[in-house]
Amino acid sequence: MRTTDRQISSSAVLALLLSVVPSQADASELSAGISFGGIQAGTVTHLAVSPHGGISWRINGNILLGVHDLLSVVPPIQTGGAGVYNSTIAALGYGWKNG
C-alpha cells in the first residue's frame, strides 16, 4: 500500500485541528489483535499464537475502567505438546479535564 502526499497532508491538518480546538470527549476503546511469537515455558521457548482483546470506558465521572485479555496457545507441533495460557487484567484509572 502506498501513502500519497495528499493523505499525509490531510492527516496533518486533522491532527492540528484536534490539538488546537479544545473539546471534551467521552470515548470508549475497543482493541483486538493476534500475535505470533515465543512464550517462555520453563527453560524452553515455544512458538505461541496469542489472540488478545481489550475494552476501556469511562464508568463514572472521571473514573476509567479497562479490561484486557491475552490468550496464548502453544500448538502441538513442538516437543512438549500443546498448551494454553490465559491472562486477564483489569485496571482502574482517573481522568481529568486536561488529561
N, C-alpha and C. Protein backbone atom coordinates (compact mmCIF):
# COMPACT_ATOMS: atom_id res chain seq x y z
N MET A 1 0.84 -1.16 0.00
CA MET A 1 0.00 0.00 0.00
C MET A 1 0.90 1.23 0.00
N ARG A 2 0.55 2.22 -0.83
CA ARG A 2 1.35 3.42 -0.98
C ARG A 2 0.60 4.60 -0.38
N THR A 3 1.29 5.40 0.42
CA THR A 3 0.69 6.59 1.01
C THR A 3 1.05 7.79 0.15
N THR A 4 0.07 8.55 -0.22
CA THR A 4 0.33 9.73 -1.05
C THR A 4 0.54 10.95 -0.18
N ASP A 5 1.13 12.00 -0.78
CA ASP A 5 1.37 13.25 -0.06
C ASP A 5 0.06 13.88 0.39
N ARG A 6 -0.99 13.75 -0.41
CA ARG A 6 -2.28 14.33 -0.07
C ARG A 6 -2.85 13.71 1.20
N GLN A 7 -2.71 12.39 1.35
CA GLN A 7 -3.21 11.73 2.55
C GLN A 7 -2.44 12.18 3.78
N ILE A 8 -1.14 12.34 3.64
CA ILE A 8 -0.32 12.79 4.77
C ILE A 8 -0.70 14.22 5.15
N SER A 9 -0.91 15.09 4.16
CA SER A 9 -1.29 16.48 4.43
C SER A 9 -2.65 16.53 5.13
N SER A 10 -3.62 15.73 4.67
CA SER A 10 -4.93 15.71 5.31
C SER A 10 -4.84 15.26 6.75
N SER A 11 -4.03 14.25 7.01
CA SER A 11 -3.85 13.76 8.38
C SER A 11 -3.19 14.81 9.26
N ALA A 12 -2.22 15.51 8.72
CA ALA A 12 -1.54 16.55 9.49
C ALA A 12 -2.49 17.68 9.84
N VAL A 13 -3.33 18.10 8.89
CA VAL A 13 -4.31 19.16 9.14
C VAL A 13 -5.31 18.72 10.20
N LEU A 14 -5.81 17.49 10.10
CA LEU A 14 -6.76 16.97 11.08
C LEU A 14 -6.13 16.91 12.47
N ALA A 15 -4.90 16.44 12.57
CA ALA A 15 -4.21 16.37 13.86
C ALA A 15 -4.02 17.77 14.45
N LEU A 16 -3.69 18.74 13.62
CA LEU A 16 -3.51 20.12 14.08
C LEU A 16 -4.83 20.69 14.60
N LEU A 17 -5.92 20.47 13.86
CA LEU A 17 -7.22 20.96 14.30
C LEU A 17 -7.65 20.33 15.62
N LEU A 18 -7.42 19.04 15.78
CA LEU A 18 -7.80 18.37 17.02
C LEU A 18 -6.97 18.84 18.21
N SER A 19 -5.73 19.22 17.97
CA SER A 19 -4.88 19.68 19.08
C SER A 19 -5.15 21.14 19.43
N VAL A 20 -5.68 21.94 18.50
CA VAL A 20 -5.91 23.36 18.74
C VAL A 20 -7.31 23.61 19.31
N VAL A 21 -8.30 22.91 18.82
CA VAL A 21 -9.69 23.13 19.24
C VAL A 21 -9.94 22.40 20.56
N PRO A 22 -10.19 23.15 21.65
CA PRO A 22 -10.44 22.48 22.93
C PRO A 22 -11.83 21.84 22.94
N SER A 23 -11.88 20.61 23.36
CA SER A 23 -13.15 19.91 23.48
C SER A 23 -13.00 18.74 24.43
N GLN A 24 -14.10 18.35 25.02
CA GLN A 24 -14.09 17.19 25.92
C GLN A 24 -14.72 16.04 25.18
N ALA A 25 -14.09 14.90 25.27
CA ALA A 25 -14.60 13.73 24.56
C ALA A 25 -14.93 12.63 25.56
N ASP A 26 -16.06 12.01 25.36
CA ASP A 26 -16.42 10.80 26.08
C ASP A 26 -16.23 9.67 25.11
N ALA A 27 -15.23 8.85 25.35
CA ALA A 27 -14.92 7.81 24.38
C ALA A 27 -14.67 6.49 25.08
N SER A 28 -14.90 5.44 24.36
CA SER A 28 -14.55 4.10 24.79
C SER A 28 -13.56 3.55 23.79
N GLU A 29 -12.79 2.59 24.21
CA GLU A 29 -11.80 1.99 23.33
C GLU A 29 -12.04 0.49 23.26
N LEU A 30 -12.02 -0.05 22.08
CA LEU A 30 -12.12 -1.48 21.85
C LEU A 30 -10.95 -1.87 20.98
N SER A 31 -10.14 -2.81 21.44
CA SER A 31 -8.98 -3.21 20.66
C SER A 31 -8.89 -4.74 20.62
N ALA A 32 -8.34 -5.25 19.54
CA ALA A 32 -8.16 -6.69 19.38
C ALA A 32 -7.02 -6.94 18.41
N GLY A 33 -6.47 -8.12 18.46
CA GLY A 33 -5.40 -8.47 17.54
C GLY A 33 -4.94 -9.89 17.77
N ILE A 34 -3.93 -10.28 17.02
CA ILE A 34 -3.33 -11.60 17.19
C ILE A 34 -1.83 -11.46 16.99
N SER A 35 -1.08 -12.18 17.79
CA SER A 35 0.38 -12.12 17.73
C SER A 35 0.94 -13.52 17.53
N PHE A 36 2.08 -13.58 16.88
CA PHE A 36 2.81 -14.82 16.72
C PHE A 36 4.19 -14.59 17.31
N GLY A 37 4.64 -15.50 18.16
CA GLY A 37 5.94 -15.30 18.77
C GLY A 37 6.26 -16.41 19.73
N GLY A 38 7.21 -16.16 20.61
CA GLY A 38 7.64 -17.16 21.56
C GLY A 38 7.07 -16.93 22.94
N ILE A 39 6.86 -18.01 23.65
CA ILE A 39 6.43 -17.94 25.05
C ILE A 39 7.41 -18.78 25.85
N GLN A 40 7.85 -18.26 26.97
CA GLN A 40 8.82 -18.97 27.80
C GLN A 40 8.08 -19.89 28.76
N ALA A 41 8.27 -21.18 28.60
CA ALA A 41 7.68 -22.18 29.50
C ALA A 41 8.81 -22.98 30.11
N GLY A 42 9.12 -22.71 31.36
CA GLY A 42 10.28 -23.36 31.98
C GLY A 42 11.55 -22.78 31.41
N THR A 43 12.41 -23.65 30.90
CA THR A 43 13.68 -23.18 30.32
C THR A 43 13.66 -23.21 28.80
N VAL A 44 12.55 -23.65 28.21
CA VAL A 44 12.46 -23.79 26.75
C VAL A 44 11.46 -22.77 26.20
N THR A 45 11.84 -22.10 25.13
CA THR A 45 10.94 -21.17 24.46
C THR A 45 10.13 -21.93 23.42
N HIS A 46 8.81 -21.72 23.40
CA HIS A 46 7.91 -22.39 22.46
C HIS A 46 7.23 -21.35 21.58
N LEU A 47 6.91 -21.75 20.36
CA LEU A 47 6.11 -20.92 19.47
C LEU A 47 4.71 -20.81 20.05
N ALA A 48 4.12 -19.62 20.02
CA ALA A 48 2.77 -19.43 20.55
C ALA A 48 1.98 -18.50 19.62
N VAL A 49 0.70 -18.75 19.53
CA VAL A 49 -0.24 -17.88 18.83
C VAL A 49 -1.09 -17.22 19.91
N SER A 50 -1.15 -15.90 19.90
CA SER A 50 -1.77 -15.18 21.02
C SER A 50 -2.81 -14.18 20.56
N PRO A 51 -4.09 -14.56 20.50
CA PRO A 51 -5.12 -13.56 20.27
C PRO A 51 -5.34 -12.74 21.54
N HIS A 52 -5.59 -11.45 21.37
CA HIS A 52 -5.80 -10.59 22.54
C HIS A 52 -6.86 -9.55 22.23
N GLY A 53 -7.49 -9.06 23.27
CA GLY A 53 -8.52 -8.05 23.11
C GLY A 53 -8.67 -7.25 24.38
N GLY A 54 -9.25 -6.08 24.25
CA GLY A 54 -9.44 -5.23 25.41
C GLY A 54 -10.51 -4.20 25.18
N ILE A 55 -11.02 -3.68 26.27
CA ILE A 55 -12.01 -2.60 26.21
C ILE A 55 -11.75 -1.66 27.38
N SER A 56 -11.89 -0.38 27.11
CA SER A 56 -11.72 0.65 28.14
C SER A 56 -12.88 1.62 28.02
N TRP A 57 -13.42 2.06 29.14
CA TRP A 57 -14.51 3.02 29.11
C TRP A 57 -14.58 3.80 30.41
N ARG A 58 -15.25 4.95 30.33
CA ARG A 58 -15.48 5.82 31.49
C ARG A 58 -16.70 5.27 32.22
N ILE A 59 -16.57 4.93 33.52
CA ILE A 59 -17.69 4.32 34.23
C ILE A 59 -18.45 5.30 35.11
N ASN A 60 -17.78 6.34 35.61
CA ASN A 60 -18.47 7.28 36.49
C ASN A 60 -17.64 8.55 36.58
N GLY A 61 -18.13 9.63 36.00
CA GLY A 61 -17.39 10.89 36.06
C GLY A 61 -16.01 10.76 35.46
N ASN A 62 -14.99 10.81 36.30
CA ASN A 62 -13.61 10.75 35.83
C ASN A 62 -12.96 9.40 36.04
N ILE A 63 -13.69 8.41 36.51
CA ILE A 63 -13.14 7.08 36.76
C ILE A 63 -13.20 6.25 35.47
N LEU A 64 -12.06 5.66 35.11
CA LEU A 64 -11.95 4.85 33.90
C LEU A 64 -11.71 3.39 34.27
N LEU A 65 -12.28 2.47 33.51
CA LEU A 65 -12.09 1.03 33.72
C LEU A 65 -11.58 0.42 32.42
N GLY A 66 -10.58 -0.41 32.54
CA GLY A 66 -10.04 -1.12 31.38
C GLY A 66 -9.92 -2.60 31.68
N VAL A 67 -10.29 -3.43 30.73
CA VAL A 67 -10.16 -4.88 30.86
C VAL A 67 -9.48 -5.39 29.60
N HIS A 68 -8.40 -6.14 29.77
CA HIS A 68 -7.64 -6.68 28.65
C HIS A 68 -7.40 -8.17 28.88
N ASP A 69 -7.53 -8.97 27.83
CA ASP A 69 -7.36 -10.41 27.93
C ASP A 69 -6.37 -10.88 26.87
N LEU A 70 -5.45 -11.74 27.25
CA LEU A 70 -4.46 -12.32 26.35
C LEU A 70 -4.50 -13.83 26.51
N LEU A 71 -4.71 -14.54 25.42
CA LEU A 71 -4.74 -16.00 25.42
C LEU A 71 -3.59 -16.47 24.55
N SER A 72 -2.66 -17.23 25.11
CA SER A 72 -1.55 -17.79 24.34
C SER A 72 -1.78 -19.28 24.15
N VAL A 73 -1.75 -19.72 22.90
CA VAL A 73 -1.96 -21.12 22.56
C VAL A 73 -0.67 -21.66 21.97
N VAL A 74 -0.13 -22.71 22.59
CA VAL A 74 1.07 -23.37 22.09
C VAL A 74 0.60 -24.56 21.25
N PRO A 75 0.86 -24.53 19.92
CA PRO A 75 0.39 -25.63 19.08
C PRO A 75 1.17 -26.92 19.34
N PRO A 76 0.58 -28.07 19.03
CA PRO A 76 1.23 -29.36 19.33
C PRO A 76 2.28 -29.77 18.30
N ILE A 77 2.93 -28.82 17.66
CA ILE A 77 3.94 -29.15 16.65
C ILE A 77 5.34 -29.19 17.24
N GLN A 78 5.48 -29.06 18.56
CA GLN A 78 6.78 -28.97 19.20
C GLN A 78 6.95 -30.06 20.26
N THR A 79 8.16 -30.22 20.70
CA THR A 79 8.42 -31.14 21.81
C THR A 79 7.72 -30.59 23.05
N GLY A 80 7.01 -31.41 23.76
CA GLY A 80 6.29 -30.97 24.94
C GLY A 80 4.80 -30.85 24.70
N GLY A 81 4.37 -30.89 23.45
CA GLY A 81 2.94 -30.88 23.15
C GLY A 81 2.31 -29.51 23.20
N ALA A 82 0.99 -29.53 23.27
CA ALA A 82 0.19 -28.30 23.23
C ALA A 82 0.04 -27.71 24.63
N GLY A 83 -0.37 -26.45 24.66
CA GLY A 83 -0.62 -25.80 25.93
C GLY A 83 -1.39 -24.52 25.74
N VAL A 84 -1.98 -24.02 26.82
CA VAL A 84 -2.77 -22.79 26.79
C VAL A 84 -2.41 -21.97 28.02
N TYR A 85 -2.26 -20.67 27.83
CA TYR A 85 -2.01 -19.75 28.93
C TYR A 85 -2.92 -18.55 28.73
N ASN A 86 -3.64 -18.16 29.76
CA ASN A 86 -4.55 -17.02 29.67
C ASN A 86 -4.21 -15.99 30.75
N SER A 87 -4.28 -14.73 30.38
CA SER A 87 -4.03 -13.64 31.32
C SER A 87 -5.10 -12.57 31.12
N THR A 88 -5.77 -12.20 32.21
CA THR A 88 -6.78 -11.14 32.18
C THR A 88 -6.36 -10.05 33.16
N ILE A 89 -6.42 -8.82 32.69
CA ILE A 89 -6.01 -7.68 33.50
C ILE A 89 -7.17 -6.69 33.58
N ALA A 90 -7.50 -6.25 34.77
CA ALA A 90 -8.49 -5.19 34.97
C ALA A 90 -7.76 -4.02 35.62
N ALA A 91 -8.01 -2.82 35.12
CA ALA A 91 -7.33 -1.64 35.65
C ALA A 91 -8.31 -0.50 35.84
N LEU A 92 -8.12 0.25 36.92
CA LEU A 92 -8.89 1.46 37.19
C LEU A 92 -7.97 2.66 36.98
N GLY A 93 -8.52 3.72 36.43
CA GLY A 93 -7.74 4.93 36.21
C GLY A 93 -8.56 6.16 36.52
N TYR A 94 -7.92 7.29 36.52
CA TYR A 94 -8.58 8.56 36.79
C TYR A 94 -8.24 9.52 35.66
N GLY A 95 -9.25 10.11 35.05
CA GLY A 95 -9.04 11.10 34.01
C GLY A 95 -9.52 12.46 34.50
N TRP A 96 -8.85 13.51 34.08
CA TRP A 96 -9.24 14.84 34.49
C TRP A 96 -9.39 15.72 33.27
N LYS A 97 -9.74 16.96 33.46
CA LYS A 97 -10.10 17.86 32.37
C LYS A 97 -9.02 17.93 31.29
N ASN A 98 -7.77 18.03 31.65
CA ASN A 98 -6.69 18.19 30.67
C ASN A 98 -5.89 16.90 30.47
N GLY A 99 -6.38 15.79 30.97
CA GLY A 99 -5.58 14.58 30.84
C GLY A 99 -6.40 13.36 30.66
